[in-house]
Amino acid sequence: MKLKVREAEARDLPQLKRLSDDLIAVDFYSMEDLEGMLRKEDDLLCIVVDEDRNDTVASFFYAFLSTLDEALEVLHVKEKPEVLQKLDGSTRVGVYKTTATAPAYRKRGLFSAFMKDLQPVLRGRGARMILTTALHPPGREIPTLNALRSTGFVPVSTLYRPWVGKKGYCPYCGQDYCICNAEFYIREFDEKGNGELDG
């Protein structure tokens, strides 16, 4: 197994669509959505391929740059948390949105490595912080909890069933309209790119 990280290309999209359908929800992303991610300047669609298996896509990661107000809307955060009140809605932020990793490639640190590598990229493009929502299945631990903690993300608030209005079978709760909650996390940068912003 020889794993390599690179930006996604058009030829990879059918594999990304299959991963998304199988591991997130059927039609969570359409082919048009994925094609748009390749074209948009502020979108980052990265993949891990197994070079020993003809560049089979082992995992994909999607993030983008946005304004704070737009990011909160995309992430289903209905009220601006207290910790973000000091920031204008037009503040430039990064959003980590989605990942999917094929079962054979899990527990290899791919997600943690991506989250660590993502930070200087988004900061270099003007992001003041990274925002994300982490799925929290009923009665279970957040699947990405350790990776988020180890890469400097801190929990800000709990979101109650943020995806319940989006049709698509959820493999975590087993429902066609996901009833999982989510935790809203942020990773702030100071002026050196480390730690948190001054209040």
C-alpha atoms as a PDB file:
ATOM      1  CA  MET A   1       0.000   0.000   0.000  1.00  0.00           C
ATOM      2  CA  LYS A   2       1.560   3.285  -1.154  1.00  0.00           C
ATOM      3  CA  LEU A   3      -0.579   6.286  -0.225  1.00  0.00           C
ATOM      4  CA  LYS A   4      -0.239   9.705  -1.838  1.00  0.00           C
ATOM      5  CA  VAL A   5      -2.113  12.955  -1.134  1.00  0.00           C
ATOM      6  CA  ARG A   6      -2.997  15.214  -4.044  1.00  0.00           C
ATOM      7  CA  GLU A   7      -5.670  17.566  -5.301  1.00  0.00           C
ATOM      8  CA  ALA A   8      -8.625  15.827  -6.906  1.00  0.00           C
ATOM      9  CA  GLU A   9      -8.972  15.811 -10.678  1.00  0.00           C
ATOM     10  CA  ALA A  10     -11.961  15.275 -12.962  1.00  0.00           C
ATOM     11  CA  ARG A  11     -10.978  11.625 -13.520  1.00  0.00           C
ATOM     12  CA  ASP A  12     -11.315  10.974  -9.756  1.00  0.00           C
ATOM     13  CA  LEU A  13     -14.891  12.205  -9.418  1.00  0.00           C
ATOM     14  CA  PRO A  14     -16.704   8.892 -10.116  1.00  0.00           C
ATOM     15  CA  GLN A  15     -14.741   7.298  -7.247  1.00  0.00           C
ATOM     16  CA  LEU A  16     -15.469  10.264  -4.964  1.00  0.00           C
ATOM     17  CA  LYS A  17     -19.163  10.010  -5.793  1.00  0.00           C
ATOM     18  CA  ARG A  18     -19.183   6.304  -4.887  1.00  0.00           C
ATOM     19  CA  LEU A  19     -17.390   6.978  -1.576  1.00  0.00           C
ATOM     20  CA  SER A  20     -19.807   9.770  -0.735  1.00  0.00           C
ATOM     21  CA  ASP A  21     -22.874   7.673  -1.639  1.00  0.00           C
ATOM     22  CA  ASP A  22     -21.635   4.630   0.286  1.00  0.00           C
ATOM     23  CA  LEU A  23     -20.221   6.321   3.391  1.00  0.00           C
ATOM     24  CA  ILE A  24     -22.151   9.573   3.862  1.00  0.00           C
ATOM     25  CA  ALA A  25     -25.548   9.383   2.116  1.00  0.00           C
ATOM     26  CA  VAL A  26     -26.775   8.633  -1.387  1.00  0.00           C
ATOM     27  CA  ASP A  27     -26.661  11.836  -3.437  1.00  0.00           C
ATOM     28  CA  PHE A  28     -25.274  13.849  -0.523  1.00  0.00           C
ATOM     29  CA  TYR A  29     -23.089  15.265  -3.299  1.00  0.00           C
ATOM     30  CA  SER A  30     -24.134  15.128  -6.945  1.00  0.00           C
ATOM     31  CA  MET A  31     -21.596  14.884  -9.754  1.00  0.00           C
ATOM     32  CA  GLU A  32     -22.387  18.550 -10.464  1.00  0.00           C
ATOM     33  CA  ASP A  33     -21.508  19.428  -6.849  1.00  0.00           C
ATOM     34  CA  LEU A  34     -18.186  17.618  -7.117  1.00  0.00           C
ATOM     35  CA  GLU A  35     -17.392  19.212 -10.467  1.00  0.00           C
ATOM     36  CA  GLY A  36     -18.084  22.620  -8.915  1.00  0.00           C
ATOM     37  CA  MET A  37     -15.605  21.907  -6.125  1.00  0.00           C
ATOM     38  CA  LEU A  38     -12.882  21.470  -8.738  1.00  0.00           C
ATOM     39  CA  ARG A  39     -13.713  24.763 -10.466  1.00  0.00           C
ATOM     40  CA  LYS A  40     -14.195  27.134  -7.540  1.00  0.00           C
ATOM     41  CA  GLU A  41     -11.088  29.046  -6.552  1.00  0.00           C
ATOM     42  CA  ASP A  42     -11.954  28.984  -2.842  1.00  0.00           C
ATOM     43  CA  ASP A  43     -12.701  25.232  -2.723  1.00  0.00           C
ATOM     44  CA  LEU A  44     -10.153  22.583  -1.715  1.00  0.00           C
ATOM     45  CA  LEU A  45     -10.930  19.018  -2.735  1.00  0.00           C
ATOM     46  CA  CYS A  46      -8.057  16.726  -1.767  1.00  0.00           C
ATOM     47  CA  ILE A  47      -7.754  12.974  -2.057  1.00  0.00           C
ATOM     48  CA  VAL A  48      -5.540  10.165  -0.854  1.00  0.00           C
ATOM     49  CA  VAL A  49      -4.837   7.566  -3.521  1.00  0.00           C
ATOM     50  CA  ASP A  50      -3.307   4.112  -3.238  1.00  0.00           C
ATOM     51  CA  GLU A  51      -0.650   4.038  -5.937  1.00  0.00           C
ATOM     52  CA  ASP A  52      -0.260   0.279  -5.517  1.00  0.00           C
ATOM     53  CA  ARG A  53      -3.906  -0.118  -6.576  1.00  0.00           C
ATOM     54  CA  ASN A  54      -3.960   2.024  -9.727  1.00  0.00           C
ATOM     55  CA  ASP A  55      -4.673   5.265  -7.850  1.00  0.00           C
ATOM     56  CA  THR A  56      -7.731   3.911  -6.064  1.00  0.00           C
ATOM     57  CA  VAL A  57      -9.168   6.758  -3.988  1.00  0.00           C
ATOM     58  CA  ALA A  58      -8.781   5.801  -0.332  1.00  0.00           C
ATOM     59  CA  SER A  59     -10.172   9.026   1.110  1.00  0.00           C
ATOM     60  CA  PHE A  60     -11.343  12.496   0.174  1.00  0.00           C
ATOM     61  CA  PHE A  61     -11.457  15.770   2.093  1.00  0.00           C
ATOM     62  CA  TYR A  62     -13.393  18.911   1.238  1.00  0.00           C
ATOM     63  CA  ALA A  63     -12.856  22.400   2.657  1.00  0.00           C
ATOM     64  CA  PHE A  64     -13.453  25.935   1.397  1.00  0.00           C
ATOM     65  CA  LEU A  65     -12.996  29.618   2.202  1.00  0.00           C
ATOM     66  CA  SER A  66     -15.971  31.809   3.000  1.00  0.00           C
ATOM     67  CA  THR A  67     -17.198  34.692   5.126  1.00  0.00           C
ATOM     68  CA  LEU A  68     -18.138  34.020   8.738  1.00  0.00           C
ATOM     69  CA  ASP A  69     -21.850  34.660   8.142  1.00  0.00           C
ATOM     70  CA  GLU A  70     -21.990  32.348   5.103  1.00  0.00           C
ATOM     71  CA  ALA A  71     -20.006  29.661   6.911  1.00  0.00           C
ATOM     72  CA  LEU A  72     -22.369  29.648   9.899  1.00  0.00           C
ATOM     73  CA  GLU A  73     -25.326  29.230   7.543  1.00  0.00           C
ATOM     74  CA  VAL A  74     -23.677  26.365   5.628  1.00  0.00           C
ATOM     75  CA  LEU A  75     -22.801  24.632   8.905  1.00  0.00           C
ATOM     76  CA  HIS A  76     -26.380  24.996  10.251  1.00  0.00           C
ATOM     77  CA  VAL A  77     -25.313  27.266  13.132  1.00  0.00           C
ATOM     78  CA  LYS A  78     -28.444  29.366  13.669  1.00  0.00           C
ATOM     79  CA  GLU A  79     -27.102  31.759  16.314  1.00  0.00           C
ATOM     80  CA  LYS A  80     -23.618  33.269  16.275  1.00  0.00           C
ATOM     81  CA  PRO A  81     -21.843  31.840  19.359  1.00  0.00           C
ATOM     82  CA  GLU A  82     -20.579  34.226  22.026  1.00  0.00           C
ATOM     83  CA  VAL A  83     -16.928  33.499  21.185  1.00  0.00           C
ATOM     84  CA  LEU A  84     -17.517  34.788  17.631  1.00  0.00           C
ATOM     85  CA  GLN A  85     -19.550  37.886  18.528  1.00  0.00           C
ATOM     86  CA  LYS A  86     -16.429  40.068  18.359  1.00  0.00           C
ATOM     87  CA  LEU A  87     -15.983  39.257  14.655  1.00  0.00           C
ATOM     88  CA  ASP A  88     -17.690  40.927  11.727  1.00  0.00           C
ATOM     89  CA  GLY A  89     -19.831  38.699   9.498  1.00  0.00           C
ATOM     90  CA  SER A  90     -17.514  39.397   6.547  1.00  0.00           C
ATOM     91  CA  THR A  91     -14.473  37.967   8.359  1.00  0.00           C
ATOM     92  CA  ARG A  92     -12.653  35.491   6.117  1.00  0.00           C
ATOM     93  CA  VAL A  93     -12.787  31.937   7.515  1.00  0.00           C
ATOM     94  CA  GLY A  94     -12.031  28.426   6.381  1.00  0.00           C
ATOM     95  CA  VAL A  95     -14.663  25.708   6.571  1.00  0.00           C
ATOM     96  CA  TYR A  96     -13.810  22.033   6.852  1.00  0.00           C
ATOM     97  CA  LYS A  97     -16.954  20.398   5.446  1.00  0.00           C
ATOM     98  CA  THR A  98     -16.655  16.715   4.568  1.00  0.00           C
ATOM     99  CA  THR A  99     -14.494  13.630   4.579  1.00  0.00           C
ATOM    100  CA  ALA A 100     -15.029  10.009   3.630  1.00  0.00           C
ATOM    101  CA  THR A 101     -12.475   7.214   4.002  1.00  0.00           C
ATOM    102  CA  ALA A 102     -12.873   3.697   2.636  1.00  0.00           C
ATOM    103  CA  PRO A 103     -12.963   1.106   5.461  1.00  0.00           C
ATOM    104  CA  ALA A 104      -9.700  -0.557   4.374  1.00  0.00           C
ATOM    105  CA  TYR A 105      -7.823   2.731   4.882  1.00  0.00           C
ATOM    106  CA  ARG A 106      -9.200   3.844   8.243  1.00  0.00           C
ATOM    107  CA  LYS A 107      -7.171   4.203  11.445  1.00  0.00           C
ATOM    108  CA  ARG A 108      -4.086   5.340   9.513  1.00  0.00           C
ATOM    109  CA  GLY A 109      -4.144   8.973  10.644  1.00  0.00           C
ATOM    110  CA  LEU A 110      -5.357  10.307   7.284  1.00  0.00           C
ATOM    111  CA  PHE A 111      -7.953  12.650   8.785  1.00  0.00           C
ATOM    112  CA  SER A 112      -5.576  14.035  11.439  1.00  0.00           C
ATOM    113  CA  ALA A 113      -2.870  14.617   8.841  1.00  0.00           C
ATOM    114  CA  PHE A 114      -5.323  16.426   6.585  1.00  0.00           C
ATOM    115  CA  MET A 115      -6.589  18.665   9.388  1.00  0.00           C
ATOM    116  CA  LYS A 116      -3.025  19.561  10.339  1.00  0.00           C
ATOM    117  CA  ASP A 117      -1.991  20.270   6.724  1.00  0.00           C
ATOM    118  CA  LEU A 118      -5.177  22.245   6.039  1.00  0.00           C
ATOM    119  CA  GLN A 119      -4.440  24.906   8.639  1.00  0.00           C
ATOM    120  CA  PRO A 120      -1.458  26.674   6.984  1.00  0.00           C
ATOM    121  CA  VAL A 121      -3.153  26.448   3.580  1.00  0.00           C
ATOM    122  CA  LEU A 122      -6.323  28.207   4.736  1.00  0.00           C
ATOM    123  CA  ARG A 123      -4.407  30.690   6.873  1.00  0.00           C
ATOM    124  CA  GLY A 124      -2.190  31.482   3.878  1.00  0.00           C
ATOM    125  CA  ARG A 125      -5.336  32.318   1.899  1.00  0.00           C
ATOM    126  CA  GLY A 126      -6.502  34.796   4.500  1.00  0.00           C
ATOM    127  CA  ALA A 127      -8.632  32.697   6.864  1.00  0.00           C
ATOM    128  CA  ARG A 128      -8.661  33.876  10.458  1.00  0.00           C
ATOM    129  CA  MET A 129      -9.922  30.520  11.712  1.00  0.00           C
ATOM    130  CA  ILE A 130     -11.393  27.191  10.606  1.00  0.00           C
ATOM    131  CA  LEU A 131     -14.965  26.203  11.445  1.00  0.00           C
ATOM    132  CA  THR A 132     -16.500  22.744  11.288  1.00  0.00           C
ATOM    133  CA  THR A 133     -19.413  20.689  12.546  1.00  0.00           C
ATOM    134  CA  ALA A 134     -18.706  17.168  13.789  1.00  0.00           C
ATOM    135  CA  LEU A 135     -21.471  14.596  13.563  1.00  0.00           C
ATOM    136  CA  HIS A 136     -22.474  13.195  16.972  1.00  0.00           C
ATOM    137  CA  PRO A 137     -24.464   9.957  16.579  1.00  0.00           C
ATOM    138  CA  PRO A 138     -27.034   9.102  19.278  1.00  0.00           C
ATOM    139  CA  GLY A 139     -25.418   7.274  22.203  1.00  0.00           C
ATOM    140  CA  ARG A 140     -21.952   7.264  20.608  1.00  0.00           C
ATOM    141  CA  GLU A 141     -18.782   9.309  20.656  1.00  0.00           C
ATOM    142  CA  ILE A 142     -18.061  11.819  17.899  1.00  0.00           C
ATOM    143  CA  PRO A 143     -16.157   9.797  15.246  1.00  0.00           C
ATOM    144  CA  THR A 144     -13.638  12.608  14.598  1.00  0.00           C
ATOM    145  CA  LEU A 145     -13.250  13.704  18.240  1.00  0.00           C
ATOM    146  CA  ASN A 146      -9.611  12.718  18.791  1.00  0.00           C
ATOM    147  CA  ALA A 147      -8.434  14.121  15.463  1.00  0.00           C
ATOM    148  CA  LEU A 148     -10.140  17.457  16.117  1.00  0.00           C
ATOM    149  CA  ARG A 149      -8.683  17.720  19.611  1.00  0.00           C
ATOM    150  CA  SER A 150      -5.181  16.809  18.490  1.00  0.00           C
ATOM    151  CA  THR A 151      -5.204  19.492  15.782  1.00  0.00           C
ATOM    152  CA  GLY A 152      -6.304  22.350  18.041  1.00  0.00           C
ATOM    153  CA  PHE A 153     -10.062  22.498  17.489  1.00  0.00           C
ATOM    154  CA  VAL A 154     -12.247  23.391  20.462  1.00  0.00           C
ATOM    155  CA  PRO A 155     -15.998  22.748  20.862  1.00  0.00           C
ATOM    156  CA  VAL A 156     -18.201  25.838  20.886  1.00  0.00           C
ATOM    157  CA  SER A 157     -21.811  24.631  20.863  1.00  0.00           C
ATOM    158  CA  THR A 158     -24.118  21.680  20.257  1.00  0.00           C
ATOM    159  CA  LEU A 159     -26.383  21.692  17.220  1.00  0.00           C
ATOM    160  CA  TYR A 160     -29.636  19.757  17.548  1.00  0.00           C
ATOM    161  CA  ARG A 161     -30.336  17.525  14.514  1.00  0.00           C
ATOM    162  CA  PRO A 162     -28.899  19.948  11.931  1.00  0.00           C
ATOM    163  CA  TRP A 163     -29.370  17.553   8.981  1.00  0.00           C
ATOM    164  CA  VAL A 164     -32.912  16.358   9.755  1.00  0.00           C
ATOM    165  CA  GLY A 165     -34.341  18.311   6.798  1.00  0.00           C
ATOM    166  CA  LYS A 166     -31.962  16.762   4.226  1.00  0.00           C
ATOM    167  CA  LYS A 167     -33.110  13.450   2.764  1.00  0.00           C
ATOM    168  CA  GLY A 168     -30.391  10.842   2.595  1.00  0.00           C
ATOM    169  CA  TYR A 169     -29.836   7.649   4.559  1.00  0.00           C
ATOM    170  CA  CYS A 170     -27.430   8.193   7.476  1.00  0.00           C
ATOM    171  CA  PRO A 171     -25.279   5.137   8.282  1.00  0.00           C
ATOM    172  CA  TYR A 172     -24.739   6.378  11.848  1.00  0.00           C
ATOM    173  CA  CYS A 173     -28.348   6.762  13.035  1.00  0.00           C
ATOM    174  CA  GLY A 174     -29.923   4.492  10.398  1.00  0.00           C
ATOM    175  CA  GLN A 175     -32.538   7.069   9.383  1.00  0.00           C
ATOM    176  CA  ASP A 176     -33.491   8.476   5.967  1.00  0.00           C
ATOM    177  CA  TYR A 177     -33.544  11.935   7.583  1.00  0.00           C
ATOM    178  CA  CYS A 178     -30.537  12.090   9.898  1.00  0.00           C
ATOM    179  CA  ILE A 179     -31.370  12.530  13.588  1.00  0.00           C
ATOM    180  CA  CYS A 180     -27.749  12.831  14.719  1.00  0.00           C
ATOM    181  CA  ASN A 181     -26.725  15.946  16.588  1.00  0.00           C
ATOM    182  CA  ALA A 182     -23.497  17.805  15.840  1.00  0.00           C
ATOM    183  CA  GLU A 183     -20.847  19.705  17.743  1.00  0.00           C
ATOM    184  CA  PHE A 184     -19.671  23.019  16.322  1.00  0.00           C
ATOM    185  CA  TYR A 185     -15.877  23.410  16.532  1.00  0.00           C
ATOM    186  CA  ILE A 186     -13.472  26.225  15.763  1.00  0.00           C
ATOM    187  CA  ARG A 187      -9.721  26.440  15.321  1.00  0.00           C
ATOM    188  CA  GLU A 188      -8.526  30.016  15.712  1.00  0.00           C
ATOM    189  CA  PHE A 189      -5.178  31.384  14.554  1.00  0.00           C
ATOM    190  CA  ASP A 190      -3.091  34.014  16.265  1.00  0.00           C
ATOM    191  CA  GLU A 191      -0.867  36.336  14.283  1.00  0.00           C
ATOM    192  CA  LYS A 192       1.837  33.665  14.051  1.00  0.00           C
ATOM    193  CA  GLY A 193      -0.641  31.016  12.917  1.00  0.00           C
ATOM    194  CA  ASN A 194      -0.736  29.195  16.242  1.00  0.00           C
ATOM    195  CA  GLY A 195      -2.976  29.256  19.284  1.00  0.00           C
ATOM    196  CA  GLU A 196      -6.038  31.437  19.653  1.00  0.00           C
ATOM    197  CA  LEU A 197      -6.960  34.987  18.823  1.00  0.00           C
ATOM    198  CA  ASP A 198      -6.783  37.632  21.514  1.00  0.00           C
ATOM    199  CA  GLY A 199     -10.196  38.611  22.858  1.00  0.00           C
END
